[in-house]
Amino acid sequence: MKNDKLKIALFVGGASSEREVSKLSSKSIYSALLNLGHEVILIDPALGDNQYQNQEDYFLPDKDVIVSTQNYAAAVASIMKKNIDLAFLGLHGKWGEDGTIQSLLELCGIKYTGSGVLASALSMDKGKAKIIFKDNGVSVPKGLVISKSSYSFKDLLESIKMSFGFPIVVKPNDEGSTMGLTICDDETEIEKAIEFSFKYSNKTIIEEFIPGRELTVGILNDKVLPLLEIKPKHELYDFECKYTSGMSEYIVPAQVDEETFKHIQDQALKAYRSLGCIGYARADFRLSPEGKSYCLEVNTLPGMTSTSLIPKMAKAIGISFEELIAKIVNLSLKNGS
């Protein structure tokens, strides 16, 4: 499948805790873009003006480089005179999915893949996103957000006991890939879990743990893809289960009754639209033993290796990985993010 040849800047790496995950996504995207006939310029925004000379180095573990968010503006500025048709964002986590890079690209008049500044920022602020989801008829777990600078452990414990009880999930408010996440079975584990979460963010979400099944739904151009069920070896779909071969089983389409299937698809689309997402995204859910679904979050730049979740869902309806990348490119040019 060939497109008209474009000059595309592929943003890889970044300065978040998901830097290495971004490299995995970007390596697959890079191969697909080349196979589609595009000219690809690799840019690691965390390196600023000190970009690698060899393309292969962008996908290797770091050696003797300074990675900093302060380099982002210089990196974006460096492509302004290169007549870029599109910036393809292979970034994940903070400064990639939170609107930072999107705002810099918009200031430079460069189109990019994924959602705009506001939708990206809202999706990464899980506390705000949950409020928006709930206001738009999307079921979410009960929970609360605490700040590193001011919270009372005594009041927090009382709120947990009154609102939802144990077990609970403690996680950073604005991280992905389950970075900094802990499941606590009782109050003796909370302080350590909060301390761990605060290493990743100044705000922490504490919410009820929903037992049951892990489901996810991709959205491409406002069309909902088939449900995919994840069966991790651990209780939760954590970092190890996501990125270690053999640690999870994936079933697409998910084996749930038709009513539940359509309901979760509808919930995913509501969540996606409520944040103002465009192009593509992925919504993650838990399905309780009683058959009630809960939306956990929306990812505006989901993993894009050839074996990631959205590519698996696309493949289930006959869309190859290269076709998926081509669709994302064309949507982004049309939507003008």
C-alpha atoms as a PDB file:
ATOM      1  CA  MET A   1       0.000   0.000   0.000  1.00  0.00           C
ATOM      2  CA  LYS A   2       1.695   3.232  -1.140  1.00  0.00           C
ATOM      3  CA  ASN A   3       0.896   6.848  -0.331  1.00  0.00           C
ATOM      4  CA  ASP A   4       2.111   9.981  -2.095  1.00  0.00           C
ATOM      5  CA  LYS A   5       5.607  10.520  -0.782  1.00  0.00           C
ATOM      6  CA  LEU A   6       5.669  12.774   2.284  1.00  0.00           C
ATOM      7  CA  LYS A   7       8.416  14.154   4.457  1.00  0.00           C
ATOM      8  CA  ILE A   8       7.592  12.959   7.961  1.00  0.00           C
ATOM      9  CA  ALA A   9       9.370  13.777  11.221  1.00  0.00           C
ATOM     10  CA  LEU A  10       9.009  10.767  13.527  1.00  0.00           C
ATOM     11  CA  PHE A  11       9.311  11.796  17.172  1.00  0.00           C
ATOM     12  CA  VAL A  12      10.941   9.028  19.211  1.00  0.00           C
ATOM     13  CA  GLY A  13      12.119   8.590  22.795  1.00  0.00           C
ATOM     14  CA  GLY A  14      11.335  11.704  24.785  1.00  0.00           C
ATOM     15  CA  ALA A  15      12.072  12.390  28.439  1.00  0.00           C
ATOM     16  CA  SER A  16       9.304  10.442  30.188  1.00  0.00           C
ATOM     17  CA  SER A  17       9.614   7.223  32.171  1.00  0.00           C
ATOM     18  CA  GLU A  18       8.258   5.511  29.050  1.00  0.00           C
ATOM     19  CA  ARG A  19      11.247   6.529  26.911  1.00  0.00           C
ATOM     20  CA  GLU A  20      12.250   2.942  26.102  1.00  0.00           C
ATOM     21  CA  VAL A  21       8.642   1.969  25.334  1.00  0.00           C
ATOM     22  CA  SER A  22       8.491   4.882  22.893  1.00  0.00           C
ATOM     23  CA  LYS A  23      11.546   3.550  21.104  1.00  0.00           C
ATOM     24  CA  LEU A  24       9.785   0.214  20.567  1.00  0.00           C
ATOM     25  CA  SER A  25       6.700   1.887  19.102  1.00  0.00           C
ATOM     26  CA  SER A  26       8.749   4.238  16.952  1.00  0.00           C
ATOM     27  CA  LYS A  27      10.909   1.482  15.501  1.00  0.00           C
ATOM     28  CA  SER A  28       7.812  -0.265  14.137  1.00  0.00           C
ATOM     29  CA  ILE A  29       6.306   3.009  12.905  1.00  0.00           C
ATOM     30  CA  TYR A  30       9.604   3.912  11.219  1.00  0.00           C
ATOM     31  CA  SER A  31       9.707   0.651   9.242  1.00  0.00           C
ATOM     32  CA  ALA A  32       6.079   1.045   8.182  1.00  0.00           C
ATOM     33  CA  LEU A  33       6.554   4.647   7.041  1.00  0.00           C
ATOM     34  CA  LEU A  34       9.592   3.674   4.958  1.00  0.00           C
ATOM     35  CA  ASN A  35       7.709   0.756   3.411  1.00  0.00           C
ATOM     36  CA  LEU A  36       4.912   3.182   2.529  1.00  0.00           C
ATOM     37  CA  GLY A  37       7.424   5.214   0.545  1.00  0.00           C
ATOM     38  CA  HIS A  38       7.790   8.238   2.824  1.00  0.00           C
ATOM     39  CA  GLU A  39      10.946  10.171   3.656  1.00  0.00           C
ATOM     40  CA  VAL A  40      11.422   9.912   7.425  1.00  0.00           C
ATOM     41  CA  ILE A  41      13.476  12.183   9.662  1.00  0.00           C
ATOM     42  CA  LEU A  42      13.966  10.886  13.206  1.00  0.00           C
ATOM     43  CA  ILE A  43      13.778  13.419  16.050  1.00  0.00           C
ATOM     44  CA  ASP A  44      14.287  12.717  19.742  1.00  0.00           C
ATOM     45  CA  PRO A  45      12.891  15.839  21.449  1.00  0.00           C
ATOM     46  CA  ALA A  46      14.811  15.068  24.646  1.00  0.00           C
ATOM     47  CA  LEU A  47      18.120  15.518  22.786  1.00  0.00           C
ATOM     48  CA  GLY A  48      17.468  19.017  21.458  1.00  0.00           C
ATOM     49  CA  ASP A  49      20.127  20.074  18.930  1.00  0.00           C
ATOM     50  CA  ASN A  50      22.272  17.012  19.665  1.00  0.00           C
ATOM     51  CA  GLN A  51      20.455  14.526  17.446  1.00  0.00           C
ATOM     52  CA  TYR A  52      22.064  11.224  16.483  1.00  0.00           C
ATOM     53  CA  GLN A  53      23.901  10.928  13.172  1.00  0.00           C
ATOM     54  CA  ASN A  54      22.951   7.274  12.663  1.00  0.00           C
ATOM     55  CA  GLN A  55      19.264   6.368  12.402  1.00  0.00           C
ATOM     56  CA  GLU A  56      19.754   3.063  14.239  1.00  0.00           C
ATOM     57  CA  ASP A  57      20.986   4.870  17.375  1.00  0.00           C
ATOM     58  CA  TYR A  58      17.519   6.314  18.031  1.00  0.00           C
ATOM     59  CA  PHE A  59      16.221   2.847  18.882  1.00  0.00           C
ATOM     60  CA  LEU A  60      19.144   1.647  21.022  1.00  0.00           C
ATOM     61  CA  PRO A  61      19.658   2.049  24.798  1.00  0.00           C
ATOM     62  CA  ASP A  62      21.065   5.463  25.707  1.00  0.00           C
ATOM     63  CA  LYS A  63      24.817   6.009  25.913  1.00  0.00           C
ATOM     64  CA  ASP A  64      26.415   9.278  27.051  1.00  0.00           C
ATOM     65  CA  VAL A  65      23.505  11.532  26.090  1.00  0.00           C
ATOM     66  CA  ILE A  66      21.755  14.247  28.066  1.00  0.00           C
ATOM     67  CA  VAL A  67      18.001  13.639  28.119  1.00  0.00           C
ATOM     68  CA  SER A  68      15.980  16.653  29.226  1.00  0.00           C
ATOM     69  CA  THR A  69      12.567  18.244  28.787  1.00  0.00           C
ATOM     70  CA  GLN A  70      14.401  21.554  28.370  1.00  0.00           C
ATOM     71  CA  ASN A  71      15.574  20.322  24.969  1.00  0.00           C
ATOM     72  CA  TYR A  72      12.096  20.008  23.458  1.00  0.00           C
ATOM     73  CA  ALA A  73      11.767  23.526  22.058  1.00  0.00           C
ATOM     74  CA  ALA A  74      15.151  23.328  20.320  1.00  0.00           C
ATOM     75  CA  ALA A  75      14.304  19.947  18.812  1.00  0.00           C
ATOM     76  CA  VAL A  76      11.023  21.209  17.362  1.00  0.00           C
ATOM     77  CA  ALA A  77      12.660  24.395  16.107  1.00  0.00           C
ATOM     78  CA  SER A  78      15.294  22.310  14.310  1.00  0.00           C
ATOM     79  CA  ILE A  79      12.725  20.902  11.867  1.00  0.00           C
ATOM     80  CA  MET A  80      10.996  24.178  11.024  1.00  0.00           C
ATOM     81  CA  LYS A  81      13.127  24.785   7.921  1.00  0.00           C
ATOM     82  CA  LYS A  82      12.922  21.202   6.660  1.00  0.00           C
ATOM     83  CA  ASN A  83       9.490  21.518   5.023  1.00  0.00           C
ATOM     84  CA  ILE A  84       7.959  18.746   7.093  1.00  0.00           C
ATOM     85  CA  ASP A  85       4.528  17.567   5.955  1.00  0.00           C
ATOM     86  CA  LEU A  86       3.700  15.831   9.227  1.00  0.00           C
ATOM     87  CA  ALA A  87       5.102  15.022  12.666  1.00  0.00           C
ATOM     88  CA  PHE A  88       4.310  11.421  13.622  1.00  0.00           C
ATOM     89  CA  LEU A  89       4.337  11.148  17.407  1.00  0.00           C
ATOM     90  CA  GLY A  90       5.816   7.875  18.601  1.00  0.00           C
ATOM     91  CA  LEU A  91       6.112   9.298  22.123  1.00  0.00           C
ATOM     92  CA  HIS A  92       4.474   7.987  25.298  1.00  0.00           C
ATOM     93  CA  GLY A  93       3.906   9.388  28.774  1.00  0.00           C
ATOM     94  CA  LYS A  94       4.641  12.887  30.070  1.00  0.00           C
ATOM     95  CA  TRP A  95       5.757  15.533  27.590  1.00  0.00           C
ATOM     96  CA  GLY A  96       4.517  13.275  24.785  1.00  0.00           C
ATOM     97  CA  GLU A  97       0.871  12.584  25.553  1.00  0.00           C
ATOM     98  CA  ASP A  98       0.125  15.548  27.813  1.00  0.00           C
ATOM     99  CA  GLY A  99      -0.078  18.348  25.234  1.00  0.00           C
ATOM    100  CA  THR A 100       3.484  19.640  25.649  1.00  0.00           C
ATOM    101  CA  ILE A 101       4.913  18.537  22.310  1.00  0.00           C
ATOM    102  CA  GLN A 102       1.543  19.185  20.644  1.00  0.00           C
ATOM    103  CA  SER A 103       1.571  22.829  21.753  1.00  0.00           C
ATOM    104  CA  LEU A 104       5.133  23.333  20.466  1.00  0.00           C
ATOM    105  CA  LEU A 105       4.231  21.834  17.087  1.00  0.00           C
ATOM    106  CA  GLU A 106       1.129  24.007  16.819  1.00  0.00           C
ATOM    107  CA  LEU A 107       3.191  27.110  17.566  1.00  0.00           C
ATOM    108  CA  CYS A 108       5.413  26.122  14.633  1.00  0.00           C
ATOM    109  CA  GLY A 109       2.454  25.382  12.347  1.00  0.00           C
ATOM    110  CA  ILE A 110       3.362  21.693  12.002  1.00  0.00           C
ATOM    111  CA  LYS A 111       0.612  19.079  11.679  1.00  0.00           C
ATOM    112  CA  TYR A 112       0.950  16.013  13.918  1.00  0.00           C
ATOM    113  CA  THR A 113      -0.657  12.658  14.643  1.00  0.00           C
ATOM    114  CA  GLY A 114      -3.062  12.046  17.485  1.00  0.00           C
ATOM    115  CA  SER A 115      -5.295  14.397  19.429  1.00  0.00           C
ATOM    116  CA  GLY A 116      -4.859  18.110  20.011  1.00  0.00           C
ATOM    117  CA  VAL A 117      -3.396  19.943  22.991  1.00  0.00           C
ATOM    118  CA  LEU A 118      -6.500  19.987  25.216  1.00  0.00           C
ATOM    119  CA  ALA A 119      -7.555  16.374  24.632  1.00  0.00           C
ATOM    120  CA  SER A 120      -3.982  15.189  25.178  1.00  0.00           C
ATOM    121  CA  ALA A 121      -3.649  17.162  28.404  1.00  0.00           C
ATOM    122  CA  LEU A 122      -6.987  15.927  29.740  1.00  0.00           C
ATOM    123  CA  SER A 123      -6.250  12.291  28.911  1.00  0.00           C
ATOM    124  CA  MET A 124      -3.019  12.424  30.924  1.00  0.00           C
ATOM    125  CA  ASP A 125      -4.700  14.065  33.914  1.00  0.00           C
ATOM    126  CA  LYS A 126      -6.539  10.947  35.021  1.00  0.00           C
ATOM    127  CA  GLY A 127      -8.376  12.677  37.859  1.00  0.00           C
ATOM    128  CA  LYS A 128      -9.896  15.332  35.586  1.00  0.00           C
ATOM    129  CA  ALA A 129     -10.578  12.777  32.849  1.00  0.00           C
ATOM    130  CA  LYS A 130     -12.593  10.622  35.260  1.00  0.00           C
ATOM    131  CA  ILE A 131     -14.776  13.590  36.171  1.00  0.00           C
ATOM    132  CA  ILE A 132     -15.405  14.310  32.492  1.00  0.00           C
ATOM    133  CA  PHE A 133     -16.152  10.653  31.765  1.00  0.00           C
ATOM    134  CA  LYS A 134     -18.666  10.462  34.607  1.00  0.00           C
ATOM    135  CA  ASP A 135     -20.359  13.681  33.482  1.00  0.00           C
ATOM    136  CA  ASN A 136     -20.774  12.130  30.028  1.00  0.00           C
ATOM    137  CA  GLY A 137     -22.325   8.867  31.174  1.00  0.00           C
ATOM    138  CA  VAL A 138     -19.177   6.738  31.310  1.00  0.00           C
ATOM    139  CA  SER A 139     -18.829   4.482  34.367  1.00  0.00           C
ATOM    140  CA  VAL A 140     -15.565   4.891  36.301  1.00  0.00           C
ATOM    141  CA  PRO A 141     -14.185   3.434  39.550  1.00  0.00           C
ATOM    142  CA  LYS A 142     -14.811   5.399  42.729  1.00  0.00           C
ATOM    143  CA  GLY A 143     -11.747   7.320  43.790  1.00  0.00           C
ATOM    144  CA  LEU A 144     -10.033  10.500  44.857  1.00  0.00           C
ATOM    145  CA  VAL A 145      -6.902  12.509  44.073  1.00  0.00           C
ATOM    146  CA  ILE A 146      -4.350  13.650  46.641  1.00  0.00           C
ATOM    147  CA  SER A 147      -1.537  16.172  46.290  1.00  0.00           C
ATOM    148  CA  LYS A 148       2.037  15.592  47.398  1.00  0.00           C
ATOM    149  CA  SER A 149       2.188  19.001  49.030  1.00  0.00           C
ATOM    150  CA  SER A 150      -0.930  18.689  51.171  1.00  0.00           C
ATOM    151  CA  TYR A 151      -2.814  15.624  52.311  1.00  0.00           C
ATOM    152  CA  SER A 152      -3.741  14.112  55.655  1.00  0.00           C
ATOM    153  CA  PHE A 153      -3.196  10.358  55.919  1.00  0.00           C
ATOM    154  CA  LYS A 154      -5.793  10.128  58.688  1.00  0.00           C
ATOM    155  CA  ASP A 155      -8.450  11.908  56.601  1.00  0.00           C
ATOM    156  CA  LEU A 156      -7.474   9.884  53.538  1.00  0.00           C
ATOM    157  CA  LEU A 157      -7.885   6.596  55.366  1.00  0.00           C
ATOM    158  CA  GLU A 158     -11.294   7.666  56.637  1.00  0.00           C
ATOM    159  CA  SER A 159     -12.386   8.647  53.118  1.00  0.00           C
ATOM    160  CA  ILE A 160     -11.273   5.295  51.713  1.00  0.00           C
ATOM    161  CA  LYS A 161     -13.165   3.341  54.355  1.00  0.00           C
ATOM    162  CA  MET A 162     -16.323   5.426  53.914  1.00  0.00           C
ATOM    163  CA  SER A 163     -16.312   5.614  50.103  1.00  0.00           C
ATOM    164  CA  PHE A 164     -15.143   2.246  48.763  1.00  0.00           C
ATOM    165  CA  GLY A 165     -12.962   0.200  51.120  1.00  0.00           C
ATOM    166  CA  PHE A 166     -10.207  -2.271  50.233  1.00  0.00           C
ATOM    167  CA  PRO A 167      -8.522  -3.414  48.060  1.00  0.00           C
ATOM    168  CA  ILE A 168      -7.496  -0.150  46.403  1.00  0.00           C
ATOM    169  CA  VAL A 169      -5.307   0.961  43.511  1.00  0.00           C
ATOM    170  CA  VAL A 170      -2.715   3.678  44.155  1.00  0.00           C
ATOM    171  CA  LYS A 171      -1.205   5.243  41.024  1.00  0.00           C
ATOM    172  CA  PRO A 172       0.282   8.496  39.682  1.00  0.00           C
ATOM    173  CA  ASN A 173      -2.247  10.924  38.263  1.00  0.00           C
ATOM    174  CA  ASP A 174      -0.328  11.513  35.027  1.00  0.00           C
ATOM    175  CA  GLU A 175       1.723   8.458  34.112  1.00  0.00           C
ATOM    176  CA  GLY A 176       1.179   5.503  31.785  1.00  0.00           C
ATOM    177  CA  SER A 177       2.264   1.867  31.416  1.00  0.00           C
ATOM    178  CA  THR A 178       1.269   1.315  35.097  1.00  0.00           C
ATOM    179  CA  MET A 179       4.394   3.178  36.228  1.00  0.00           C
ATOM    180  CA  GLY A 180       4.255   3.779  39.990  1.00  0.00           C
ATOM    181  CA  LEU A 181       1.122   1.672  40.473  1.00  0.00           C
ATOM    182  CA  THR A 182       0.404  -0.489  43.541  1.00  0.00           C
ATOM    183  CA  ILE A 183      -2.578  -2.571  44.656  1.00  0.00           C
ATOM    184  CA  CYS A 184      -3.109  -2.328  48.418  1.00  0.00           C
ATOM    185  CA  ASP A 185      -5.089  -4.999  50.264  1.00  0.00           C
ATOM    186  CA  ASP A 186      -5.185  -3.105  53.571  1.00  0.00           C
ATOM    187  CA  GLU A 187      -4.206   0.156  55.225  1.00  0.00           C
ATOM    188  CA  THR A 188      -0.722  -1.052  56.242  1.00  0.00           C
ATOM    189  CA  GLU A 189       0.388  -0.885  52.590  1.00  0.00           C
ATOM    190  CA  ILE A 190      -0.927   2.566  51.691  1.00  0.00           C
ATOM    191  CA  GLU A 191       1.852   4.888  52.858  1.00  0.00           C
ATOM    192  CA  LYS A 192       4.545   2.954  50.994  1.00  0.00           C
ATOM    193  CA  ALA A 193       2.353   2.847  47.860  1.00  0.00           C
ATOM    194  CA  ILE A 194       1.723   6.618  48.016  1.00  0.00           C
ATOM    195  CA  GLU A 195       5.433   7.298  48.451  1.00  0.00           C
ATOM    196  CA  PHE A 196       6.142   5.134  45.393  1.00  0.00           C
ATOM    197  CA  SER A 197       3.491   6.925  43.328  1.00  0.00           C
ATOM    198  CA  PHE A 198       4.810  10.362  44.274  1.00  0.00           C
ATOM    199  CA  LYS A 199       8.162   9.451  42.705  1.00  0.00           C
ATOM    200  CA  TYR A 200       6.383   9.745  39.352  1.00  0.00           C
ATOM    201  CA  SER A 201       3.917  12.580  39.937  1.00  0.00           C
ATOM    202  CA  ASN A 202       2.959  15.327  42.381  1.00  0.00           C
ATOM    203  CA  LYS A 203      -0.581  13.976  42.400  1.00  0.00           C
ATOM    204  CA  THR A 204      -1.778  10.468  43.178  1.00  0.00           C
ATOM    205  CA  ILE A 205      -5.058   8.747  42.378  1.00  0.00           C
ATOM    206  CA  ILE A 206      -6.526   6.361  44.931  1.00  0.00           C
ATOM    207  CA  GLU A 207      -9.451   4.332  43.667  1.00  0.00           C
ATOM    208  CA  GLU A 208     -11.359   1.155  44.289  1.00  0.00           C
ATOM    209  CA  PHE A 209      -9.859  -1.976  42.766  1.00  0.00           C
ATOM    210  CA  ILE A 210     -12.229  -3.538  40.242  1.00  0.00           C
ATOM    211  CA  PRO A 211     -11.801  -7.316  40.070  1.00  0.00           C
ATOM    212  CA  GLY A 212     -12.596  -9.065  36.827  1.00  0.00           C
ATOM    213  CA  ARG A 213     -11.485  -8.914  33.211  1.00  0.00           C
ATOM    214  CA  GLU A 214      -9.149  -6.513  31.422  1.00  0.00           C
ATOM    215  CA  LEU A 215     -10.636  -5.156  28.176  1.00  0.00           C
ATOM    216  CA  THR A 216      -9.545  -2.469  25.776  1.00  0.00           C
ATOM    217  CA  VAL A 217     -11.124  -0.755  22.778  1.00  0.00           C
ATOM    218  CA  GLY A 218      -9.434   1.103  19.936  1.00  0.00           C
ATOM    219  CA  ILE A 219     -11.026   3.995  18.065  1.00  0.00           C
ATOM    220  CA  LEU A 220      -9.918   4.969  14.577  1.00  0.00           C
ATOM    221  CA  ASN A 221     -11.485   7.963  12.847  1.00  0.00           C
ATOM    222  CA  ASP A 222     -14.498   7.900  15.171  1.00  0.00           C
ATOM    223  CA  LYS A 223     -15.092   4.217  14.374  1.00  0.00           C
ATOM    224  CA  VAL A 224     -14.851   1.694  17.186  1.00  0.00           C
ATOM    225  CA  LEU A 225     -12.637  -1.363  16.699  1.00  0.00           C
ATOM    226  CA  PRO A 226     -13.457  -4.801  18.165  1.00  0.00           C
ATOM    227  CA  LEU A 227     -13.011  -5.343  21.902  1.00  0.00           C
ATOM    228  CA  LEU A 228      -9.782  -7.018  22.911  1.00  0.00           C
ATOM    229  CA  GLU A 229      -9.397  -8.972  26.141  1.00  0.00           C
ATOM    230  CA  ILE A 230      -6.050  -9.124  27.910  1.00  0.00           C
ATOM    231  CA  LYS A 231      -5.296 -12.107  30.126  1.00  0.00           C
ATOM    232  CA  PRO A 232      -2.155 -11.172  32.078  1.00  0.00           C
ATOM    233  CA  LYS A 233      -0.203 -13.638  34.189  1.00  0.00           C
ATOM    234  CA  HIS A 234      -0.405 -11.152  37.073  1.00  0.00           C
ATOM    235  CA  GLU A 235      -3.518  -9.833  38.796  1.00  0.00           C
ATOM    236  CA  LEU A 236      -3.179  -6.585  36.854  1.00  0.00           C
ATOM    237  CA  TYR A 237      -1.888  -5.796  33.372  1.00  0.00           C
ATOM    238  CA  ASP A 238       1.329  -4.296  34.739  1.00  0.00           C
ATOM    239  CA  PHE A 239       4.560  -3.195  33.048  1.00  0.00           C
ATOM    240  CA  GLU A 240       6.054  -6.698  33.018  1.00  0.00           C
ATOM    241  CA  CYS A 241       2.918  -8.229  31.500  1.00  0.00           C
ATOM    242  CA  LYS A 242       2.740  -5.483  28.863  1.00  0.00           C
ATOM    243  CA  TYR A 243       6.296  -5.689  27.631  1.00  0.00           C
ATOM    244  CA  THR A 244       7.502  -9.227  28.371  1.00  0.00           C
ATOM    245  CA  SER A 245       6.802 -11.881  25.766  1.00  0.00           C
ATOM    246  CA  GLY A 246       4.519 -14.644  27.029  1.00  0.00           C
ATOM    247  CA  MET A 247       3.315 -12.736  30.094  1.00  0.00           C
ATOM    248  CA  SER A 248      -0.123 -11.979  28.611  1.00  0.00           C
ATOM    249  CA  GLU A 249      -2.637 -13.625  26.303  1.00  0.00           C
ATOM    250  CA  TYR A 250      -4.691 -11.501  23.907  1.00  0.00           C
ATOM    251  CA  ILE A 251      -8.138 -12.429  22.606  1.00  0.00           C
ATOM    252  CA  VAL A 252      -9.737 -10.370  19.840  1.00  0.00           C
ATOM    253  CA  PRO A 253     -12.622 -10.101  19.468  1.00  0.00           C
ATOM    254  CA  ALA A 254     -13.171 -10.537  23.211  1.00  0.00           C
ATOM    255  CA  GLN A 255     -15.476 -13.381  24.158  1.00  0.00           C
ATOM    256  CA  VAL A 256     -18.293 -11.484  25.861  1.00  0.00           C
ATOM    257  CA  ASP A 257     -22.014 -11.419  25.132  1.00  0.00           C
ATOM    258  CA  GLU A 258     -23.198  -9.113  22.342  1.00  0.00           C
ATOM    259  CA  GLU A 259     -24.910  -6.654  24.704  1.00  0.00           C
ATOM    260  CA  THR A 260     -21.751  -6.207  26.804  1.00  0.00           C
ATOM    261  CA  PHE A 261     -19.604  -5.986  23.661  1.00  0.00           C
ATOM    262  CA  LYS A 262     -21.687  -3.144  22.210  1.00  0.00           C
ATOM    263  CA  HIS A 263     -22.072  -1.400  25.572  1.00  0.00           C
ATOM    264  CA  ILE A 264     -18.309  -1.188  26.131  1.00  0.00           C
ATOM    265  CA  GLN A 265     -17.777  -0.005  22.561  1.00  0.00           C
ATOM    266  CA  ASP A 266     -20.352   2.724  23.209  1.00  0.00           C
ATOM    267  CA  GLN A 267     -18.676   3.648  26.503  1.00  0.00           C
ATOM    268  CA  ALA A 268     -15.295   3.856  24.740  1.00  0.00           C
ATOM    269  CA  LEU A 269     -16.645   6.192  22.073  1.00  0.00           C
ATOM    270  CA  LYS A 270     -18.319   8.393  24.712  1.00  0.00           C
ATOM    271  CA  ALA A 271     -15.051   8.628  26.655  1.00  0.00           C
ATOM    272  CA  TYR A 272     -13.093   9.405  23.478  1.00  0.00           C
ATOM    273  CA  ARG A 273     -15.496  12.130  22.377  1.00  0.00           C
ATOM    274  CA  SER A 274     -15.881  13.622  25.857  1.00  0.00           C
ATOM    275  CA  LEU A 275     -12.167  14.519  25.869  1.00  0.00           C
ATOM    276  CA  GLY A 276     -12.309  15.867  22.323  1.00  0.00           C
ATOM    277  CA  CYS A 277      -9.993  13.201  20.895  1.00  0.00           C
ATOM    278  CA  ILE A 278      -9.430  12.950  17.157  1.00  0.00           C
ATOM    279  CA  GLY A 279      -7.699  10.508  14.832  1.00  0.00           C
ATOM    280  CA  TYR A 280      -7.125   7.491  17.015  1.00  0.00           C
ATOM    281  CA  ALA A 281      -6.951   6.463  20.663  1.00  0.00           C
ATOM    282  CA  ARG A 282      -7.512   3.510  22.962  1.00  0.00           C
ATOM    283  CA  ALA A 283      -9.836   3.221  25.970  1.00  0.00           C
ATOM    284  CA  ASP A 284      -9.071   0.732  28.744  1.00  0.00           C
ATOM    285  CA  PHE A 285     -11.707  -1.001  30.857  1.00  0.00           C
ATOM    286  CA  ARG A 286     -12.271  -3.457  33.677  1.00  0.00           C
ATOM    287  CA  LEU A 287     -15.310  -5.729  33.493  1.00  0.00           C
ATOM    288  CA  SER A 288     -16.487  -6.851  36.937  1.00  0.00           C
ATOM    289  CA  PRO A 289     -17.747 -10.398  37.686  1.00  0.00           C
ATOM    290  CA  GLU A 290     -21.242  -8.858  37.825  1.00  0.00           C
ATOM    291  CA  GLY A 291     -20.847  -7.686  34.218  1.00  0.00           C
ATOM    292  CA  LYS A 292     -20.417  -3.952  34.910  1.00  0.00           C
ATOM    293  CA  SER A 293     -17.748  -2.101  32.937  1.00  0.00           C
ATOM    294  CA  TYR A 294     -15.516   0.668  34.283  1.00  0.00           C
ATOM    295  CA  CYS A 295     -13.410   2.962  32.107  1.00  0.00           C
ATOM    296  CA  LEU A 296      -9.912   3.379  33.530  1.00  0.00           C
ATOM    297  CA  GLU A 297      -8.403   5.810  31.021  1.00  0.00           C
ATOM    298  CA  VAL A 298      -8.073   6.902  27.405  1.00  0.00           C
ATOM    299  CA  ASN A 299      -4.662   6.759  25.723  1.00  0.00           C
ATOM    300  CA  THR A 300      -4.259   9.354  22.959  1.00  0.00           C
ATOM    301  CA  LEU A 301      -0.903   7.922  21.810  1.00  0.00           C
ATOM    302  CA  PRO A 302      -1.272   4.184  22.444  1.00  0.00           C
ATOM    303  CA  GLY A 303       1.496   1.668  21.795  1.00  0.00           C
ATOM    304  CA  MET A 304       2.127   1.158  18.085  1.00  0.00           C
ATOM    305  CA  THR A 305       4.461  -1.785  17.691  1.00  0.00           C
ATOM    306  CA  SER A 306       3.226  -4.345  15.188  1.00  0.00           C
ATOM    307  CA  THR A 307       2.081  -6.493  18.154  1.00  0.00           C
ATOM    308  CA  SER A 308       0.525  -3.692  20.259  1.00  0.00           C
ATOM    309  CA  LEU A 309      -3.162  -3.627  21.139  1.00  0.00           C
ATOM    310  CA  ILE A 310      -4.624  -1.270  18.510  1.00  0.00           C
ATOM    311  CA  PRO A 311      -2.723  -3.057  15.698  1.00  0.00           C
ATOM    312  CA  LYS A 312      -4.141  -6.359  16.991  1.00  0.00           C
ATOM    313  CA  MET A 313      -7.694  -4.941  16.898  1.00  0.00           C
ATOM    314  CA  ALA A 314      -7.148  -3.489  13.441  1.00  0.00           C
ATOM    315  CA  LYS A 315      -5.777  -6.802  12.176  1.00  0.00           C
ATOM    316  CA  ALA A 316      -8.943  -8.539  13.413  1.00  0.00           C
ATOM    317  CA  ILE A 317     -10.952  -6.535  10.845  1.00  0.00           C
ATOM    318  CA  GLY A 318      -8.444  -6.948   8.040  1.00  0.00           C
ATOM    319  CA  ILE A 319      -6.297  -3.823   8.479  1.00  0.00           C
ATOM    320  CA  SER A 320      -2.565  -4.591   8.330  1.00  0.00           C
ATOM    321  CA  PHE A 321      -0.039  -2.654  10.400  1.00  0.00           C
ATOM    322  CA  GLU A 322       1.168  -0.661   7.384  1.00  0.00           C
ATOM    323  CA  GLU A 323      -2.419   0.104   6.391  1.00  0.00           C
ATOM    324  CA  LEU A 324      -3.090   1.297   9.936  1.00  0.00           C
ATOM    325  CA  ILE A 325      -0.093   3.638   9.863  1.00  0.00           C
ATOM    326  CA  ALA A 326      -1.187   4.916   6.432  1.00  0.00           C
ATOM    327  CA  LYS A 327      -4.685   5.624   7.767  1.00  0.00           C
ATOM    328  CA  ILE A 328      -3.254   7.524  10.739  1.00  0.00           C
ATOM    329  CA  VAL A 329      -1.066   9.617   8.409  1.00  0.00           C
ATOM    330  CA  ASN A 330      -3.983  10.438   6.114  1.00  0.00           C
ATOM    331  CA  LEU A 331      -6.336  11.227   9.026  1.00  0.00           C
ATOM    332  CA  SER A 332      -3.762  13.533  10.579  1.00  0.00           C
ATOM    333  CA  LEU A 333      -3.237  15.461   7.354  1.00  0.00           C
ATOM    334  CA  LYS A 334      -6.993  15.763   6.920  1.00  0.00           C
ATOM    335  CA  ASN A 335      -7.791  16.714  10.524  1.00  0.00           C
ATOM    336  CA  GLY A 336      -4.905  19.148  10.693  1.00  0.00           C
ATOM    337  CA  SER A 337      -4.014  18.572  14.343  1.00  0.00           C
END
